[in-house]
Amino acid sequence: MTGISNRVRNLLVLEDEPLIAMMLQDELESLGVHVIGPVSNLKSALRIAETIDLDGALLDRNINGTFADAVADALHTRGIPFVFVSGYERPAGLRHREVPVLHKPFGKIEFRVALLSLLERTKP
């Protein structure tokens, strides 16, 4: 399959499970997306979210027991769309309730639907 658009997209991947991170990276790269990361810690992800030119992000909601709220807030402030990736149900107090959640485990179709939804919200 060729790329999902006629320009390279830069997506941050925040994921603390190595096998899932590798799968996400492989799938994104096969679609012509440039992966920033994957990163597995909040400090690095926050630095990237605040400073790097991104088209979007896939954020594991729970990184080593801590929610990725600060990263989500930084992306939201910059107008960068993102999707939460989580093995848990949506928490009641989630600040970014409008953000889609890709539930683990997910298949290729669910992943691609979430990715297309994310990229539709990306600035041209």
N, C-alpha and C. Protein backbone atom coordinates (compact mmCIF):
# COMPACT_ATOMS: atom_id res chain seq x y z
N MET A 1 0.85 -1.19 0.00
CA MET A 1 0.00 0.00 0.00
C MET A 1 0.88 1.23 0.00
N THR A 2 0.51 2.21 -0.76
CA THR A 2 1.28 3.44 -0.80
C THR A 2 0.91 4.33 0.37
N GLY A 3 1.55 5.48 0.45
CA GLY A 3 1.31 6.41 1.56
C GLY A 3 -0.13 6.88 1.62
N ILE A 4 -0.51 7.40 2.76
CA ILE A 4 -1.89 7.82 2.95
C ILE A 4 -2.14 9.23 2.46
N SER A 5 -1.10 9.91 2.07
CA SER A 5 -1.27 11.24 1.49
C SER A 5 -0.11 11.50 0.56
N ASN A 6 -0.18 12.61 -0.14
CA ASN A 6 0.91 12.92 -1.05
C ASN A 6 1.98 13.78 -0.38
N ARG A 7 1.94 13.88 0.94
CA ARG A 7 3.04 14.53 1.66
C ARG A 7 3.34 13.72 2.91
N VAL A 8 4.57 13.79 3.35
CA VAL A 8 4.98 13.05 4.54
C VAL A 8 4.35 13.69 5.77
N ARG A 9 3.82 12.89 6.63
CA ARG A 9 3.24 13.35 7.89
C ARG A 9 4.17 12.97 9.02
N ASN A 10 4.34 13.87 9.99
CA ASN A 10 5.15 13.62 11.17
C ASN A 10 4.24 13.35 12.35
N LEU A 11 4.29 12.12 12.88
CA LEU A 11 3.44 11.75 14.01
C LEU A 11 4.29 11.31 15.18
N LEU A 12 3.99 11.89 16.33
CA LEU A 12 4.58 11.44 17.58
C LEU A 12 3.88 10.17 18.02
N VAL A 13 4.66 9.18 18.43
CA VAL A 13 4.11 7.96 19.01
C VAL A 13 4.65 7.86 20.43
N LEU A 14 3.73 7.91 21.39
CA LEU A 14 4.06 7.74 22.81
C LEU A 14 3.47 6.40 23.24
N GLU A 15 4.34 5.44 23.53
CA GLU A 15 3.90 4.09 23.90
C GLU A 15 4.98 3.44 24.76
N ASP A 16 4.58 2.91 25.93
CA ASP A 16 5.56 2.31 26.83
C ASP A 16 5.68 0.79 26.70
N GLU A 17 4.87 0.18 25.86
CA GLU A 17 4.98 -1.26 25.59
C GLU A 17 5.80 -1.45 24.31
N PRO A 18 7.02 -2.00 24.41
CA PRO A 18 7.90 -2.08 23.24
C PRO A 18 7.29 -2.78 22.02
N LEU A 19 6.58 -3.88 22.22
CA LEU A 19 6.02 -4.58 21.06
C LEU A 19 4.94 -3.75 20.37
N ILE A 20 4.11 -3.07 21.14
CA ILE A 20 3.08 -2.22 20.55
C ILE A 20 3.73 -1.03 19.85
N ALA A 21 4.76 -0.46 20.46
CA ALA A 21 5.47 0.66 19.85
C ALA A 21 6.06 0.26 18.50
N MET A 22 6.68 -0.93 18.45
CA MET A 22 7.27 -1.39 17.19
C MET A 22 6.19 -1.64 16.13
N MET A 23 5.05 -2.21 16.54
CA MET A 23 3.97 -2.47 15.61
C MET A 23 3.41 -1.15 15.06
N LEU A 24 3.21 -0.17 15.94
CA LEU A 24 2.72 1.13 15.49
C LEU A 24 3.69 1.78 14.52
N GLN A 25 4.96 1.75 14.86
CA GLN A 25 5.97 2.35 13.99
C GLN A 25 6.00 1.66 12.64
N ASP A 26 6.00 0.33 12.63
CA ASP A 26 6.04 -0.40 11.36
C ASP A 26 4.82 -0.08 10.50
N GLU A 27 3.65 -0.08 11.10
CA GLU A 27 2.43 0.18 10.35
C GLU A 27 2.41 1.61 9.81
N LEU A 28 2.79 2.57 10.64
CA LEU A 28 2.81 3.96 10.18
C LEU A 28 3.81 4.16 9.05
N GLU A 29 5.00 3.61 9.21
CA GLU A 29 6.02 3.76 8.17
C GLU A 29 5.60 3.09 6.87
N SER A 30 4.87 1.96 6.96
CA SER A 30 4.39 1.30 5.74
C SER A 30 3.38 2.17 5.00
N LEU A 31 2.76 3.10 5.71
CA LEU A 31 1.79 4.02 5.11
C LEU A 31 2.42 5.35 4.71
N GLY A 32 3.73 5.47 4.85
CA GLY A 32 4.43 6.69 4.44
C GLY A 32 4.48 7.78 5.49
N VAL A 33 4.20 7.42 6.74
CA VAL A 33 4.22 8.38 7.84
C VAL A 33 5.60 8.36 8.49
N HIS A 34 6.13 9.55 8.80
CA HIS A 34 7.40 9.66 9.52
C HIS A 34 7.09 9.64 11.02
N VAL A 35 7.62 8.64 11.71
CA VAL A 35 7.36 8.48 13.14
C VAL A 35 8.39 9.25 13.95
N ILE A 36 7.91 10.10 14.83
CA ILE A 36 8.76 10.77 15.80
C ILE A 36 8.69 9.89 17.05
N GLY A 37 9.79 9.24 17.33
CA GLY A 37 9.81 8.25 18.41
C GLY A 37 9.95 6.87 17.79
N PRO A 38 9.26 5.90 18.34
CA PRO A 38 8.36 6.03 19.47
C PRO A 38 9.13 6.36 20.75
N VAL A 39 8.48 7.14 21.59
CA VAL A 39 9.04 7.46 22.90
C VAL A 39 8.23 6.74 23.96
N SER A 40 8.91 6.43 25.07
CA SER A 40 8.26 5.63 26.11
C SER A 40 8.21 6.33 27.45
N ASN A 41 8.54 7.63 27.46
CA ASN A 41 8.47 8.36 28.73
C ASN A 41 7.85 9.74 28.50
N LEU A 42 7.21 10.23 29.55
CA LEU A 42 6.46 11.48 29.43
C LEU A 42 7.35 12.70 29.25
N LYS A 43 8.51 12.71 29.86
CA LYS A 43 9.40 13.88 29.75
C LYS A 43 9.82 14.11 28.29
N SER A 44 10.25 13.05 27.63
CA SER A 44 10.64 13.18 26.22
C SER A 44 9.45 13.53 25.34
N ALA A 45 8.32 12.89 25.60
CA ALA A 45 7.12 13.17 24.81
C ALA A 45 6.67 14.61 24.97
N LEU A 46 6.73 15.13 26.18
CA LEU A 46 6.34 16.52 26.42
C LEU A 46 7.27 17.48 25.69
N ARG A 47 8.56 17.23 25.73
CA ARG A 47 9.52 18.08 25.01
C ARG A 47 9.21 18.08 23.52
N ILE A 48 8.95 16.92 22.96
CA ILE A 48 8.62 16.82 21.53
C ILE A 48 7.30 17.55 21.24
N ALA A 49 6.29 17.31 22.08
CA ALA A 49 4.97 17.93 21.87
C ALA A 49 5.04 19.45 21.91
N GLU A 50 5.97 19.99 22.67
CA GLU A 50 6.10 21.44 22.81
C GLU A 50 6.97 22.08 21.73
N THR A 51 7.84 21.29 21.08
CA THR A 51 8.85 21.92 20.23
C THR A 51 8.94 21.44 18.79
N ILE A 52 8.55 20.23 18.51
CA ILE A 52 8.75 19.65 17.18
C ILE A 52 7.54 19.93 16.30
N ASP A 53 7.78 20.12 14.99
CA ASP A 53 6.70 20.31 14.03
C ASP A 53 6.02 18.96 13.79
N LEU A 54 4.80 18.83 14.30
CA LEU A 54 4.06 17.57 14.23
C LEU A 54 2.75 17.77 13.47
N ASP A 55 2.31 16.70 12.82
CA ASP A 55 1.00 16.69 12.18
C ASP A 55 -0.03 16.00 13.07
N GLY A 56 0.43 15.26 14.06
CA GLY A 56 -0.48 14.55 14.96
C GLY A 56 0.29 13.66 15.90
N ALA A 57 -0.46 12.92 16.73
CA ALA A 57 0.18 12.05 17.71
C ALA A 57 -0.75 10.90 18.09
N LEU A 58 -0.13 9.79 18.41
CA LEU A 58 -0.80 8.64 19.02
C LEU A 58 -0.25 8.55 20.43
N LEU A 59 -1.11 8.74 21.42
CA LEU A 59 -0.68 8.79 22.81
C LEU A 59 -1.24 7.64 23.61
N ASP A 60 -0.36 6.78 24.10
CA ASP A 60 -0.79 5.80 25.09
C ASP A 60 -1.26 6.61 26.29
N ARG A 61 -2.43 6.35 26.76
CA ARG A 61 -3.04 7.13 27.84
C ARG A 61 -2.31 6.96 29.17
N ASN A 62 -1.79 5.75 29.41
CA ASN A 62 -1.15 5.43 30.69
C ASN A 62 0.29 5.01 30.42
N ILE A 63 1.22 5.86 30.83
CA ILE A 63 2.64 5.58 30.63
C ILE A 63 3.26 5.25 31.99
N ASN A 64 3.57 3.99 32.18
CA ASN A 64 4.18 3.53 33.43
C ASN A 64 3.42 4.02 34.66
N GLY A 65 2.08 3.98 34.59
CA GLY A 65 1.25 4.34 35.73
C GLY A 65 0.87 5.80 35.83
N THR A 66 1.31 6.63 34.89
CA THR A 66 1.00 8.06 34.91
C THR A 66 0.27 8.43 33.63
N PHE A 67 -0.83 9.19 33.76
CA PHE A 67 -1.56 9.61 32.58
C PHE A 67 -0.77 10.63 31.77
N ALA A 68 -0.98 10.62 30.47
CA ALA A 68 -0.26 11.49 29.53
C ALA A 68 -0.96 12.84 29.36
N ASP A 69 -1.58 13.35 30.41
CA ASP A 69 -2.34 14.60 30.32
C ASP A 69 -1.49 15.80 29.91
N ALA A 70 -0.30 15.92 30.44
CA ALA A 70 0.54 17.08 30.11
C ALA A 70 0.90 17.08 28.62
N VAL A 71 1.16 15.91 28.06
CA VAL A 71 1.48 15.81 26.63
C VAL A 71 0.24 16.18 25.82
N ALA A 72 -0.91 15.64 26.21
CA ALA A 72 -2.17 15.96 25.52
C ALA A 72 -2.46 17.46 25.59
N ASP A 73 -2.23 18.06 26.75
CA ASP A 73 -2.46 19.50 26.91
C ASP A 73 -1.55 20.31 25.99
N ALA A 74 -0.28 19.92 25.89
CA ALA A 74 0.67 20.64 25.04
C ALA A 74 0.25 20.54 23.57
N LEU A 75 -0.16 19.35 23.15
CA LEU A 75 -0.61 19.18 21.76
C LEU A 75 -1.86 19.99 21.50
N HIS A 76 -2.80 19.95 22.42
CA HIS A 76 -4.05 20.69 22.28
C HIS A 76 -3.77 22.20 22.17
N THR A 77 -2.88 22.71 23.00
CA THR A 77 -2.51 24.13 22.98
C THR A 77 -1.96 24.54 21.62
N ARG A 78 -1.20 23.65 21.00
CA ARG A 78 -0.60 23.95 19.69
C ARG A 78 -1.52 23.62 18.53
N GLY A 79 -2.70 23.08 18.81
CA GLY A 79 -3.64 22.73 17.74
C GLY A 79 -3.25 21.49 16.97
N ILE A 80 -2.50 20.60 17.60
CA ILE A 80 -2.06 19.36 16.97
C ILE A 80 -3.02 18.24 17.37
N PRO A 81 -3.66 17.61 16.40
CA PRO A 81 -4.62 16.56 16.73
C PRO A 81 -3.91 15.30 17.25
N PHE A 82 -4.63 14.56 18.07
CA PHE A 82 -4.07 13.32 18.61
C PHE A 82 -5.19 12.33 18.90
N VAL A 83 -4.78 11.08 19.04
CA VAL A 83 -5.68 9.99 19.41
C VAL A 83 -5.07 9.32 20.62
N PHE A 84 -5.90 9.05 21.62
CA PHE A 84 -5.44 8.25 22.75
C PHE A 84 -5.46 6.78 22.34
N VAL A 85 -4.45 6.04 22.76
CA VAL A 85 -4.39 4.60 22.56
C VAL A 85 -4.37 4.00 23.96
N SER A 86 -5.35 3.15 24.25
CA SER A 86 -5.47 2.70 25.64
C SER A 86 -6.07 1.32 25.73
N GLY A 87 -5.61 0.58 26.72
CA GLY A 87 -6.19 -0.71 27.05
C GLY A 87 -7.26 -0.59 28.11
N TYR A 88 -7.54 0.64 28.54
CA TYR A 88 -8.50 0.89 29.61
C TYR A 88 -9.71 1.64 29.05
N GLU A 89 -10.80 1.58 29.79
CA GLU A 89 -11.97 2.37 29.43
C GLU A 89 -11.65 3.85 29.63
N ARG A 90 -12.39 4.70 28.95
CA ARG A 90 -12.19 6.15 29.07
C ARG A 90 -12.47 6.57 30.51
N PRO A 91 -11.48 7.19 31.18
CA PRO A 91 -11.70 7.62 32.57
C PRO A 91 -12.75 8.73 32.66
N ALA A 92 -13.48 8.76 33.75
CA ALA A 92 -14.55 9.75 33.93
C ALA A 92 -14.02 11.18 33.88
N GLY A 93 -12.84 11.43 34.39
CA GLY A 93 -12.31 12.79 34.46
C GLY A 93 -11.42 13.19 33.30
N LEU A 94 -11.49 12.46 32.19
CA LEU A 94 -10.63 12.76 31.05
C LEU A 94 -10.88 14.18 30.55
N ARG A 95 -9.82 15.00 30.51
CA ARG A 95 -9.95 16.40 30.10
C ARG A 95 -10.29 16.55 28.63
N HIS A 96 -9.76 15.71 27.80
CA HIS A 96 -9.95 15.84 26.35
C HIS A 96 -10.99 14.81 25.90
N ARG A 97 -12.22 15.05 26.30
CA ARG A 97 -13.30 14.09 26.04
C ARG A 97 -13.62 13.94 24.56
N GLU A 98 -13.30 14.95 23.76
CA GLU A 98 -13.60 14.91 22.34
C GLU A 98 -12.60 14.09 21.54
N VAL A 99 -11.50 13.72 22.16
CA VAL A 99 -10.43 12.99 21.48
C VAL A 99 -10.80 11.51 21.35
N PRO A 100 -10.69 10.97 20.14
CA PRO A 100 -10.98 9.55 19.97
C PRO A 100 -10.02 8.67 20.76
N VAL A 101 -10.50 7.49 21.12
CA VAL A 101 -9.68 6.50 21.82
C VAL A 101 -9.63 5.24 20.97
N LEU A 102 -8.42 4.81 20.64
CA LEU A 102 -8.19 3.54 19.96
C LEU A 102 -7.94 2.52 21.07
N HIS A 103 -8.85 1.58 21.22
CA HIS A 103 -8.78 0.63 22.33
C HIS A 103 -7.90 -0.57 21.98
N LYS A 104 -6.95 -0.86 22.88
CA LYS A 104 -6.11 -2.06 22.75
C LYS A 104 -6.90 -3.24 23.29
N PRO A 105 -6.77 -4.40 22.72
CA PRO A 105 -6.07 -4.67 21.46
C PRO A 105 -6.92 -4.21 20.27
N PHE A 106 -6.25 -3.80 19.22
CA PHE A 106 -6.96 -3.33 18.04
C PHE A 106 -6.39 -4.03 16.82
N GLY A 107 -7.20 -4.10 15.80
CA GLY A 107 -6.77 -4.70 14.54
C GLY A 107 -6.35 -3.64 13.55
N LYS A 108 -5.91 -4.10 12.39
CA LYS A 108 -5.43 -3.19 11.35
C LYS A 108 -6.52 -2.22 10.90
N ILE A 109 -7.74 -2.71 10.78
CA ILE A 109 -8.83 -1.84 10.30
C ILE A 109 -9.11 -0.74 11.32
N GLU A 110 -9.22 -1.09 12.59
CA GLU A 110 -9.47 -0.07 13.63
C GLU A 110 -8.34 0.94 13.67
N PHE A 111 -7.11 0.45 13.52
CA PHE A 111 -5.96 1.34 13.52
C PHE A 111 -6.03 2.33 12.36
N ARG A 112 -6.31 1.84 11.18
CA ARG A 112 -6.34 2.72 10.01
C ARG A 112 -7.50 3.71 10.07
N VAL A 113 -8.64 3.29 10.60
CA VAL A 113 -9.76 4.21 10.76
C VAL A 113 -9.37 5.34 11.72
N ALA A 114 -8.73 4.98 12.84
CA ALA A 114 -8.28 6.00 13.81
C ALA A 114 -7.25 6.93 13.18
N LEU A 115 -6.35 6.38 12.41
CA LEU A 115 -5.31 7.19 11.76
C LEU A 115 -5.93 8.15 10.75
N LEU A 116 -6.85 7.66 9.95
CA LEU A 116 -7.51 8.55 8.99
C LEU A 116 -8.29 9.65 9.70
N SER A 117 -8.95 9.31 10.79
CA SER A 117 -9.67 10.31 11.58
C SER A 117 -8.71 11.37 12.09
N LEU A 118 -7.56 10.93 12.56
CA LEU A 118 -6.54 11.85 13.06
C LEU A 118 -6.05 12.77 11.94
N LEU A 119 -5.74 12.20 10.82
CA LEU A 119 -5.16 13.00 9.74
C LEU A 119 -6.18 13.92 9.08
N GLU A 120 -7.46 13.59 9.18
CA GLU A 120 -8.50 14.51 8.68
C GLU A 120 -8.53 15.81 9.49
N ARG A 121 -8.09 15.72 10.73
CA ARG A 121 -8.08 16.90 11.60
C ARG A 121 -6.76 17.67 11.53
N THR A 122 -5.84 17.19 10.69
CA THR A 122 -4.53 17.83 10.54
C THR A 122 -4.62 19.02 9.61
N LYS A 123 -3.90 20.06 9.96
CA LYS A 123 -3.85 21.24 9.09
C LYS A 123 -3.22 20.86 7.76
N PRO A 124 -3.74 21.41 6.64
CA PRO A 124 -3.17 21.07 5.31
C PRO A 124 -1.76 21.59 5.14
